[in-house]
Each structure stands twice: as C-alpha cells, then as structure tokens.
N, C-alpha and C. Protein backbone atom coordinates (compact mmCIF):
# COMPACT_ATOMS: atom_id res chain seq x y z
N MET A 1 20.70 -8.71 -9.67
CA MET A 1 19.50 -8.27 -9.34
C MET A 1 18.92 -9.82 -10.28
N THR A 2 18.23 -9.83 -10.77
CA THR A 2 17.66 -10.65 -12.43
C THR A 2 16.52 -9.62 -12.20
N GLU A 3 16.19 -10.26 -13.76
CA GLU A 3 14.93 -9.29 -14.36
C GLU A 3 14.04 -9.70 -13.31
N ASP A 4 13.31 -10.82 -13.31
CA ASP A 4 12.60 -11.38 -12.45
C ASP A 4 12.09 -9.90 -11.13
N SER A 5 13.27 -10.30 -10.37
CA SER A 5 13.26 -9.35 -9.11
C SER A 5 13.57 -8.33 -9.96
N LEU A 6 13.22 -7.36 -10.34
CA LEU A 6 13.42 -6.12 -11.09
C LEU A 6 12.31 -5.31 -11.30
N ASP A 7 11.51 -6.58 -12.09
CA ASP A 7 9.70 -6.41 -12.47
C ASP A 7 8.96 -6.17 -11.22
N ARG A 8 9.21 -6.99 -10.08
CA ARG A 8 8.40 -7.37 -9.31
C ARG A 8 8.94 -5.68 -8.68
N LEU A 9 9.83 -5.46 -8.18
CA LEU A 9 10.79 -4.41 -7.55
C LEU A 9 9.63 -2.94 -8.35
N ARG A 10 9.68 -3.02 -9.43
CA ARG A 10 9.31 -1.56 -10.54
C ARG A 10 7.70 -1.86 -10.24
N VAL A 11 7.41 -3.02 -9.88
CA VAL A 11 5.17 -3.08 -9.46
C VAL A 11 5.50 -2.51 -7.99
N LEU A 12 6.42 -2.71 -7.21
CA LEU A 12 5.83 -1.97 -5.52
C LEU A 12 6.30 -0.54 -5.57
N ALA A 13 7.81 -0.16 -6.88
CA ALA A 13 8.22 0.65 -5.97
C ALA A 13 7.27 2.52 -6.73
N HIS A 14 6.48 1.99 -7.38
CA HIS A 14 6.09 2.88 -8.00
C HIS A 14 4.98 4.15 -7.06
N PRO A 15 4.78 5.40 -6.30
CA PRO A 15 4.32 5.57 -5.53
C PRO A 15 2.51 6.09 -5.99
N LEU A 16 2.24 6.05 -7.64
CA LEU A 16 0.50 5.77 -7.34
C LEU A 16 0.30 4.56 -7.38
N ARG A 17 1.37 3.46 -7.47
CA ARG A 17 0.57 1.94 -6.91
C ARG A 17 0.74 1.75 -6.15
N MET A 18 1.32 2.22 -4.93
CA MET A 18 1.07 2.21 -3.42
C MET A 18 0.07 2.66 -2.84
N ARG A 19 -0.10 3.97 -3.61
CA ARG A 19 -1.42 4.55 -3.24
C ARG A 19 -3.21 3.98 -4.03
N LEU A 20 -2.70 3.20 -5.36
CA LEU A 20 -3.72 2.67 -5.48
C LEU A 20 -4.25 0.82 -4.43
N LEU A 21 -2.87 0.56 -3.50
CA LEU A 21 -3.12 -0.62 -3.73
C LEU A 21 -4.29 -0.14 -2.68
N SER A 22 -3.14 1.06 -1.37
CA SER A 22 -4.37 1.53 -0.43
C SER A 22 -5.99 1.57 -0.78
N LEU A 23 -6.43 2.41 -1.57
CA LEU A 23 -7.74 2.71 -1.92
C LEU A 23 -8.05 1.54 -2.39
N LEU A 24 -7.49 0.17 -3.18
CA LEU A 24 -8.19 -0.42 -3.30
C LEU A 24 -8.59 -1.89 -2.70
N THR A 25 -7.68 -1.21 -1.49
CA THR A 25 -8.01 -2.45 -0.34
C THR A 25 -9.44 -2.06 0.41
N GLY A 26 -10.36 -1.31 0.99
CA GLY A 26 -11.59 -0.54 1.62
C GLY A 26 -12.61 -1.17 0.24
N ALA A 27 -11.98 -0.77 -1.15
CA ALA A 27 -13.30 -0.58 -2.33
C ALA A 27 -12.78 -0.96 -3.44
N ALA A 28 -13.67 -2.29 -3.97
CA ALA A 28 -13.57 -2.33 -5.98
C ALA A 28 -14.15 -1.49 -6.59
N MET A 29 -13.00 -0.89 -7.09
CA MET A 29 -13.17 0.29 -7.51
C MET A 29 -12.44 0.36 -8.98
N SER A 30 -13.38 0.83 -9.98
CA SER A 30 -12.90 0.98 -11.63
C SER A 30 -11.62 1.60 -12.17
N SER A 31 -11.23 2.10 -13.11
CA SER A 31 -9.98 2.37 -13.10
C SER A 31 -10.98 4.50 -13.43
N ALA A 32 -11.35 4.46 -13.73
CA ALA A 32 -12.12 6.02 -13.31
C ALA A 32 -12.63 6.81 -12.17
N GLU A 33 -13.55 5.07 -11.37
CA GLU A 33 -13.31 6.03 -9.83
C GLU A 33 -12.00 5.94 -9.56
N ALA A 34 -10.98 4.79 -8.78
CA ALA A 34 -9.78 5.34 -8.26
C ALA A 34 -9.45 6.69 -9.20
N ALA A 35 -9.11 7.03 -10.30
CA ALA A 35 -8.78 8.72 -10.61
C ALA A 35 -9.19 9.25 -10.74
N ARG A 36 -10.60 9.40 -9.83
CA ARG A 36 -11.89 10.53 -8.96
C ARG A 36 -11.27 10.66 -8.23
N GLU A 37 -11.07 9.52 -7.26
CA GLU A 37 -10.63 9.73 -6.25
C GLU A 37 -9.35 10.08 -5.94
N LEU A 38 -8.30 10.16 -6.75
CA LEU A 38 -6.73 9.89 -6.38
C LEU A 38 -6.78 11.43 -7.26
N GLY A 39 -7.46 11.91 -7.39
CA GLY A 39 -7.53 13.46 -8.34
C GLY A 39 -6.03 12.80 -9.64
N GLU A 40 -6.27 12.16 -9.99
CA GLU A 40 -5.56 11.33 -11.75
C GLU A 40 -6.41 11.19 -12.92
N LYS A 41 -5.26 11.52 -13.54
CA LYS A 41 -5.95 11.10 -14.85
C LYS A 41 -6.40 9.61 -15.49
N GLN A 42 -7.69 9.31 -16.03
CA GLN A 42 -8.03 7.92 -15.78
C GLN A 42 -7.38 6.87 -16.50
N ALA A 43 -6.88 7.73 -17.86
CA ALA A 43 -5.80 6.72 -18.45
C ALA A 43 -4.30 6.03 -18.07
N ASN A 44 -3.97 7.45 -16.96
CA ASN A 44 -2.60 7.06 -15.90
C ASN A 44 -2.48 5.89 -15.03
N VAL A 45 -4.60 5.87 -13.95
CA VAL A 45 -4.91 5.42 -13.52
C VAL A 45 -4.55 3.41 -13.89
N SER A 46 -5.40 3.52 -15.52
CA SER A 46 -6.02 2.15 -15.76
C SER A 46 -4.42 1.27 -16.21
N TYR A 47 -3.31 2.37 -16.73
CA TYR A 47 -1.95 1.92 -16.31
C TYR A 47 -1.63 0.94 -15.81
N HIS A 48 -1.36 1.44 -14.39
CA HIS A 48 -0.80 0.96 -13.46
C HIS A 48 -2.12 0.10 -12.96
N LEU A 49 -2.79 0.12 -12.76
CA LEU A 49 -4.05 -0.99 -12.53
C LEU A 49 -3.73 -2.61 -13.69
N ARG A 50 -3.22 -1.85 -14.99
CA ARG A 50 -2.60 -2.82 -15.52
C ARG A 50 -1.30 -3.88 -15.18
N ARG A 51 -0.55 -2.77 -14.79
CA ARG A 51 0.69 -3.55 -14.11
C ARG A 51 0.23 -3.86 -13.29
N LEU A 52 -0.30 -3.35 -11.81
CA LEU A 52 -0.44 -4.29 -10.52
C LEU A 52 -1.44 -5.59 -11.41
N ARG A 53 -2.25 -5.67 -11.51
CA ARG A 53 -3.13 -6.97 -12.57
C ARG A 53 -1.98 -7.83 -12.14
N ALA A 54 -1.63 -7.35 -13.92
CA ALA A 54 -0.15 -8.71 -13.91
C ALA A 54 0.50 -8.70 -13.13
N ALA A 55 0.63 -8.50 -12.05
CA ALA A 55 1.74 -8.46 -11.15
C ALA A 55 1.02 -9.65 -9.92
N GLY A 56 0.03 -9.84 -10.39
CA GLY A 56 -1.16 -9.99 -8.86
C GLY A 56 -1.82 -9.42 -7.69
N LEU A 57 -1.52 -8.09 -8.11
CA LEU A 57 -1.46 -7.76 -6.72
C LEU A 57 -3.25 -7.16 -6.58
N VAL A 58 -3.55 -7.09 -7.79
CA VAL A 58 -5.87 -6.98 -7.12
C VAL A 58 -6.04 -7.20 -8.32
N GLU A 59 -7.20 -8.07 -7.98
CA GLU A 59 -8.15 -8.90 -8.77
C GLU A 59 -9.34 -8.31 -9.33
N PRO A 60 -10.02 -8.81 -10.65
CA PRO A 60 -11.49 -8.15 -10.53
C PRO A 60 -12.35 -8.95 -9.67
N ALA A 61 -13.03 -7.51 -9.26
CA ALA A 61 -14.13 -7.15 -8.64
C ALA A 61 -15.30 -7.80 -8.94
N GLY A 62 -15.83 -8.02 -10.50
CA GLY A 62 -16.65 -7.03 -11.43
C GLY A 62 -17.03 -5.70 -11.88
N GLU A 63 -18.08 -5.52 -11.96
CA GLU A 63 -18.13 -4.67 -13.12
C GLU A 63 -19.05 -3.53 -12.77
N THR A 64 -19.29 -2.09 -13.58
CA THR A 64 -19.84 -1.35 -13.54
C THR A 64 -20.27 -0.43 -14.26
N VAL A 65 -21.33 0.38 -14.64
CA VAL A 65 -21.56 0.49 -15.73
C VAL A 65 -21.39 2.17 -15.28
N ILE A 66 -20.78 2.35 -16.67
CA ILE A 66 -20.02 4.12 -16.92
C ILE A 66 -20.53 5.11 -18.02
N ARG A 67 -21.74 5.66 -18.38
CA ARG A 67 -21.44 6.51 -19.43
C ARG A 67 -22.43 5.30 -20.41
N GLY A 68 -23.11 4.11 -19.81
CA GLY A 68 -23.66 3.14 -20.63
C GLY A 68 -22.72 2.18 -21.24
N GLY A 69 -20.74 2.09 -20.83
CA GLY A 69 -19.84 1.83 -21.83
C GLY A 69 -19.85 0.48 -19.46
N ARG A 70 -19.70 -1.00 -19.60
CA ARG A 70 -18.61 -1.58 -18.97
C ARG A 70 -17.21 -1.11 -18.01
N ALA A 71 -17.26 -1.01 -16.87
CA ALA A 71 -16.27 -1.06 -16.41
C ALA A 71 -15.88 -2.12 -15.59
N LYS A 72 -14.46 -2.56 -15.73
CA LYS A 72 -14.01 -4.12 -14.90
C LYS A 72 -13.92 -2.85 -13.45
N ARG A 73 -14.29 -3.88 -12.65
CA ARG A 73 -13.75 -3.06 -11.07
C ARG A 73 -12.56 -3.74 -10.23
N TYR A 74 -11.64 -3.21 -9.52
CA TYR A 74 -10.72 -3.77 -8.67
C TYR A 74 -10.29 -4.14 -7.50
N ARG A 75 -9.89 -5.51 -7.06
CA ARG A 75 -9.61 -4.96 -5.75
C ARG A 75 -8.33 -5.57 -5.04
N HIS A 76 -8.12 -5.18 -4.05
CA HIS A 76 -6.35 -5.76 -3.86
C HIS A 76 -6.61 -6.30 -2.56
N ASP A 77 -6.38 -7.50 -2.35
CA ASP A 77 -5.84 -8.22 -1.23
C ASP A 77 -4.68 -8.45 -0.56
N PRO A 78 -4.44 -7.48 0.05
CA PRO A 78 -3.26 -7.37 0.62
C PRO A 78 -2.28 -8.88 0.84
N ALA A 79 -3.22 -9.60 1.65
CA ALA A 79 -2.54 -11.11 1.24
C ALA A 79 -1.57 -11.42 -0.14
N SER A 80 -1.96 -11.06 -0.94
CA SER A 80 -1.61 -11.00 -2.37
C SER A 80 0.15 -10.95 -2.66
N ALA A 81 0.43 -9.72 -1.75
CA ALA A 81 1.92 -9.57 -1.36
C ALA A 81 2.52 -10.56 -1.44
N GLY A 82 2.53 -11.88 -0.01
CA GLY A 82 2.81 -12.49 -0.19
C GLY A 82 4.72 -13.15 -1.34
N PRO A 83 4.32 -12.95 -2.33
CA PRO A 83 5.76 -13.73 -3.02
C PRO A 83 6.18 -12.80 -2.58
N PHE A 84 5.82 -11.14 -3.23
CA PHE A 84 6.43 -9.78 -3.21
C PHE A 84 7.47 -9.18 -1.85
N LEU A 85 7.34 -10.43 -0.29
CA LEU A 85 8.05 -9.87 0.23
C LEU A 85 9.87 -10.95 0.63
N ASP A 86 9.50 -11.16 -0.57
CA ASP A 86 11.30 -12.35 -0.59
C ASP A 86 11.73 -11.01 -1.78
N ARG A 87 12.43 -10.46 -1.02
CA ARG A 87 13.15 -9.06 -1.84
C ARG A 87 14.94 -9.33 -1.78
N GLU A 88 15.49 -9.02 -3.06
CA GLU A 88 17.28 -8.64 -3.00
C GLU A 88 16.99 -6.95 -2.00
N PRO A 89 18.35 -8.37 -1.54
CA PRO A 89 19.02 -6.25 -0.23
C PRO A 89 18.69 -5.15 -1.17
N GLU A 90 19.45 -4.73 -2.33
CA GLU A 90 18.58 -4.03 -3.23
C GLU A 90 17.41 -3.16 -3.87
N GLU A 91 16.45 -4.60 -4.06
CA GLU A 91 15.04 -3.97 -3.72
C GLU A 91 14.47 -3.67 -2.55
N GLU A 92 14.66 -4.64 -1.80
CA GLU A 92 14.39 -3.62 -0.16
C GLU A 92 14.87 -2.38 -0.18
N ARG A 93 15.66 -1.85 -0.31
CA ARG A 93 16.71 -0.70 0.39
C ARG A 93 15.12 0.48 -0.62
N ILE A 94 15.19 0.19 -1.95
CA ILE A 94 14.50 1.14 -2.62
C ILE A 94 13.10 0.90 -2.18
N LEU A 95 12.07 -0.14 -1.96
CA LEU A 95 10.79 -0.58 -1.30
C LEU A 95 10.77 0.67 0.24
N LEU A 96 11.66 0.34 0.44
CA LEU A 96 11.68 1.18 2.04
C LEU A 96 12.14 2.55 1.64
N SER A 97 12.33 3.24 0.66
CA SER A 97 12.95 4.72 0.33
C SER A 97 11.51 4.74 0.19
N THR A 98 10.83 3.69 -1.14
CA THR A 98 9.10 4.59 -1.54
C THR A 98 8.63 4.61 -0.73
N LEU A 99 8.48 4.19 0.52
CA LEU A 99 7.82 4.16 1.28
C LEU A 99 7.92 5.42 2.20
N ALA A 100 9.08 5.89 2.47
CA ALA A 100 9.86 6.92 3.19
C ALA A 100 9.05 7.98 2.14
N ASP A 101 8.70 8.21 0.93
CA ASP A 101 8.65 9.00 -0.07
C ASP A 101 6.91 9.33 0.29
N GLU A 102 6.31 7.56 0.68
CA GLU A 102 5.05 8.36 0.34
C GLU A 102 4.55 8.14 1.90
N LEU A 103 5.17 8.74 2.69
CA LEU A 103 5.33 8.95 4.29
C LEU A 103 5.32 10.38 4.48
N LYS A 104 6.39 10.80 3.46
CA LYS A 104 6.49 12.33 3.49
C LYS A 104 5.43 13.00 2.22
N ARG A 105 4.37 12.35 1.51
CA ARG A 105 3.84 13.03 0.75
C ARG A 105 2.28 12.80 1.31
N ARG A 106 1.95 12.13 2.75
CA ARG A 106 0.68 11.80 3.11
C ARG A 106 1.09 13.03 4.87
N SER A 107 1.72 13.15 5.03
CA SER A 107 2.22 13.99 6.30
C SER A 107 2.29 15.70 5.99
N THR A 108 1.99 15.85 4.68
CA THR A 108 1.49 17.19 4.29
C THR A 108 0.71 17.46 4.36
N GLN A 109 -0.51 16.11 4.33
CA GLN A 109 -1.81 16.19 4.12
C GLN A 109 -2.73 15.50 5.57
N ARG A 110 -1.73 15.90 6.35
CA ARG A 110 -2.01 15.00 8.01
C ARG A 110 -3.00 16.33 8.69
N ARG A 111 -3.94 16.43 9.31
CA ARG A 111 -4.52 16.95 9.53
C ARG A 111 -4.60 17.78 10.36
N PRO A 112 -4.41 19.42 10.90
CA PRO A 112 -3.60 20.17 11.99
C PRO A 112 -4.64 19.80 13.39
N GLY A 113 -3.64 19.90 14.21
CA GLY A 113 -4.81 19.42 15.39
C GLY A 113 -5.15 17.82 15.62
N ALA A 114 -5.19 17.28 14.91
CA ALA A 114 -5.56 16.21 14.85
C ALA A 114 -5.19 14.89 16.00
N GLU A 115 -4.94 14.10 17.20
CA GLU A 115 -4.65 13.22 17.39
C GLU A 115 -4.18 12.16 16.59
N TYR A 116 -2.58 11.52 17.43
CA TYR A 116 -2.04 11.02 16.29
C TYR A 116 -0.63 10.40 17.66
N ALA A 117 -0.62 8.95 16.82
CA ALA A 117 0.61 8.44 17.35
C ALA A 117 1.97 8.12 16.44
N THR A 118 3.15 7.61 17.28
CA THR A 118 4.03 8.09 16.49
C THR A 118 5.36 7.89 16.82
N THR A 119 6.22 6.88 16.83
CA THR A 119 7.18 6.32 17.19
C THR A 119 8.45 6.00 16.05
N ASP A 120 10.23 6.33 17.22
CA ASP A 120 10.87 5.97 15.84
C ASP A 120 11.79 5.57 16.75
N ALA A 121 12.54 4.21 16.46
CA ALA A 121 13.61 3.30 17.90
C ALA A 121 14.68 3.12 16.81
N GLU A 122 15.52 3.11 17.35
CA GLU A 122 16.98 2.22 16.62
C GLU A 122 18.00 2.17 18.19
N VAL A 123 17.51 0.39 18.80
CA VAL A 123 17.40 0.57 19.84
C VAL A 123 17.93 -1.19 19.14
N TRP A 124 18.41 -1.12 21.06
CA TRP A 124 19.22 -2.96 20.89
C TRP A 124 17.82 -3.98 21.53
N VAL A 125 17.53 -5.21 21.24
CA VAL A 125 15.98 -5.44 21.69
C VAL A 125 16.65 -7.21 22.33
N ASP A 126 16.40 -7.63 22.93
CA ASP A 126 16.72 -8.60 22.97
C ASP A 126 15.29 -9.97 21.62
N GLU A 127 15.69 -10.84 21.37
CA GLU A 127 14.42 -11.40 19.96
C GLU A 127 13.33 -11.98 20.74
N ARG A 128 13.18 -12.08 22.03
CA ARG A 128 11.40 -11.87 22.64
C ARG A 128 10.86 -10.87 21.73
N VAL A 129 11.84 -9.23 22.51
CA VAL A 129 10.69 -8.54 21.91
C VAL A 129 11.25 -7.78 20.24
N TRP A 130 12.04 -8.32 19.83
CA TRP A 130 11.77 -7.82 18.75
C TRP A 130 10.79 -9.30 18.19
N GLN A 131 10.40 -10.24 18.48
CA GLN A 131 9.31 -11.46 17.06
C GLN A 131 8.10 -10.51 18.17
N ARG A 132 7.90 -10.38 19.44
CA ARG A 132 6.83 -9.92 19.52
C ARG A 132 6.34 -7.92 18.93
N ALA A 133 7.64 -6.95 18.80
CA ALA A 133 7.22 -5.94 17.99
C ALA A 133 6.90 -6.71 16.41
N ARG A 134 7.78 -7.31 15.49
CA ARG A 134 7.49 -7.67 14.29
C ARG A 134 5.17 -7.96 14.62
N ALA A 135 5.08 -9.29 15.45
CA ALA A 135 3.80 -9.69 15.61
C ALA A 135 2.81 -8.40 16.22
N LEU A 136 3.67 -7.89 16.61
CA LEU A 136 2.10 -5.87 16.91
C LEU A 136 2.13 -5.67 15.24
N ALA A 137 2.47 -5.59 14.82
CA ALA A 137 3.02 -5.07 13.47
C ALA A 137 2.01 -5.75 12.24
N ASP A 138 2.69 -7.11 12.57
CA ASP A 138 1.33 -7.73 11.25
C ASP A 138 0.60 -7.54 12.13
N GLU A 139 0.07 -7.48 13.20
CA GLU A 139 -1.37 -7.43 13.79
C GLU A 139 -2.34 -6.46 13.68
N LEU A 140 -1.13 -4.76 13.50
CA LEU A 140 -1.63 -3.76 13.24
C LEU A 140 -1.93 -4.00 11.42
N GLY A 141 -1.13 -3.86 10.70
CA GLY A 141 -1.78 -4.92 9.32
C GLY A 141 -2.46 -5.19 8.82
N GLU A 142 -2.35 -6.57 9.46
CA GLU A 142 -4.29 -7.06 9.47
C GLU A 142 -5.29 -6.15 10.18
N LEU A 143 -5.71 -5.53 10.63
CA LEU A 143 -6.34 -4.54 11.55
C LEU A 143 -7.48 -3.50 10.62
N LEU A 144 -6.01 -3.61 10.19
CA LEU A 144 -6.62 -1.55 9.19
C LEU A 144 -6.76 -2.33 7.80
N HIS A 145 -6.31 -3.53 7.37
CA HIS A 145 -6.54 -4.35 6.23
C HIS A 145 -8.27 -4.81 6.14
N THR A 146 -8.28 -5.08 6.69
CA THR A 146 -9.21 -6.04 7.50
C THR A 146 -10.50 -4.97 7.46
N HIS A 147 -10.10 -4.18 8.20
CA HIS A 147 -11.59 -2.71 8.16
C HIS A 147 -11.54 -1.86 7.71
N ALA A 148 -10.87 -1.94 6.31
CA ALA A 148 -10.31 -0.34 5.49
C ALA A 148 -11.99 -0.52 5.04
N LYS A 149 -12.65 0.24 4.87
CA LYS A 149 -13.44 1.14 4.28
C LYS A 149 -13.75 1.89 2.91
N PRO A 150 -14.59 2.17 2.20
CA PRO A 150 -14.92 2.73 0.98
C PRO A 150 -14.00 3.89 1.66
N PRO A 151 -13.45 4.82 0.49
CA PRO A 151 -13.76 6.18 1.20
C PRO A 151 -14.92 7.49 1.44
N ARG A 152 -14.23 8.10 2.41
CA ARG A 152 -15.58 8.78 2.93
C ARG A 152 -17.35 8.25 3.15
N THR A 153 -16.51 6.53 3.62
CA THR A 153 -18.41 6.30 4.66
C THR A 153 -18.67 7.16 5.91
N PRO A 154 -19.48 7.21 5.34
CA PRO A 154 -19.66 7.98 6.83
C PRO A 154 -19.49 7.28 8.20
N GLY A 155 -18.47 8.04 8.84
CA GLY A 155 -18.32 7.51 10.25
C GLY A 155 -16.73 7.12 10.79
N THR A 156 -16.26 7.08 9.34
CA THR A 156 -14.66 6.42 8.91
C THR A 156 -14.20 7.43 8.81
N HIS A 157 -12.34 7.13 9.40
CA HIS A 157 -12.37 8.49 9.23
C HIS A 157 -11.20 8.36 8.40
N ARG A 158 -10.28 8.75 7.88
CA ARG A 158 -9.07 8.77 6.51
C ARG A 158 -8.08 8.93 7.62
N ILE A 159 -7.15 7.76 7.52
CA ILE A 159 -5.58 7.60 8.22
C ILE A 159 -4.57 7.43 7.52
N SER A 160 -3.33 7.00 7.36
CA SER A 160 -1.66 6.88 7.31
C SER A 160 -1.74 5.84 8.06
N ALA A 161 -0.62 4.84 7.54
CA ALA A 161 0.25 4.11 8.39
C ALA A 161 1.08 3.16 8.08
N THR A 162 2.29 3.73 8.46
CA THR A 162 3.40 3.26 7.08
C THR A 162 4.44 2.27 9.19
N VAL A 163 4.61 1.20 8.83
CA VAL A 163 6.05 0.80 9.48
C VAL A 163 6.87 0.13 8.82
N ALA A 164 7.56 0.01 9.25
CA ALA A 164 9.05 -0.80 8.70
C ALA A 164 9.95 -1.27 9.64
N LEU A 165 10.14 -2.47 10.44
CA LEU A 165 10.64 -3.12 11.49
C LEU A 165 11.56 -4.08 10.40
N PHE A 166 12.85 -3.67 11.51
CA PHE A 166 14.00 -4.77 10.48
C PHE A 166 15.24 -4.45 10.97
N ARG A 167 15.67 -5.45 10.98
CA ARG A 167 17.76 -5.78 11.76
C ARG A 167 18.58 -5.31 10.85
N LEU A 168 18.75 -4.05 11.66
CA LEU A 168 19.82 -2.73 11.54
C LEU A 168 21.35 -4.38 11.60
N GLU A 169 22.60 -3.89 10.57
CA GLU A 169 23.75 -4.40 11.21
C GLU A 169 24.73 -3.96 12.07
N GLN A 170 25.08 -5.33 12.18
CA GLN A 170 26.06 -4.19 14.24
C GLN A 170 26.87 -4.27 13.53
N ARG A 171 27.62 -2.43 14.41
CA ARG A 171 28.60 -2.23 13.53
C ARG A 171 29.65 -2.47 14.96
C-alpha cells in the first residue's frame, strides 16, 4: 500500500469525517455549526474539516458571521469521492469496516416502531442482475444526496442509508 493510498484511507476511514460528509451534503455549515449539530467540540470538527478540505471532499461554500467574526462554510459534493473509489484491497476492507461501525452507531438511534427497509444477501446472481443491483444502489445514493436538506428542515425525516455491494471470492 502506498503512502498516498494510506492518506486517502485515513481521510475516509474516520467516523466523524463520515458523519461530516453526510451532514454537509444537505447544507453548507461552518465548523461551529457542524459541531453543534453533531454534539462535538468545535476545534475537533474544525480539524476534521481541514483534513476533508485538503483531500478535496468538502469545498468552501461562502462565509457566515458568528459573534462578530467571519467563519467559512463548507459543503460536500458526493461526486468529489470519485478519486477515492479506486482503492487497494486493504483500504476497501478498512473502509467497509468503518461503514459497518457507522451503521452500528446509527442503529442505536433508530426510532422505535418506525417503518424501515432492510435486506441482506449472500447469493449467486447472473451478470445482468449484478449490474442492475449496482445501478439501483447508485441511483439510491444519487437520490438521497441530491435531495438532502439542512438538518431539522420542516417536513423532513432524518434517515440512515448504508449500502455496500461487492462481489465475493469464489470458493
């Protein structure tokens, strides 16, 4: 694994950074605003935003005035993850583990009794079905990211979506 690929992995594999990317998909926020929303310390969020910015995963989206000072706001464009999708096998394993950990964290916040959808499959399918499943997963991601709203927007629901489709080794 190269140093460059390790740096990419470190940026994506941190759970707070994953939460920031999700948050900043629906709204541009300063580090202070994001910290309040996530219940984190502003200095910690600021550090992670700098790492995401250096990696090209968040971009400046204007400024806001906070307590008489100016604060940069950032936004995440899901398309910016393109260069990060070409990973080494070890990077992929660590990223999938990070996604699984994030799913565990989110599942503790699931609203009791609320409707939900889930599926789990380790199955054999032909190439046509595999390509269709991948297309549907891509479409789901695009739908959710395109229509993400700022936190607590009236008429919206806070949801979680984690999808990981991959081919398994033949045994």
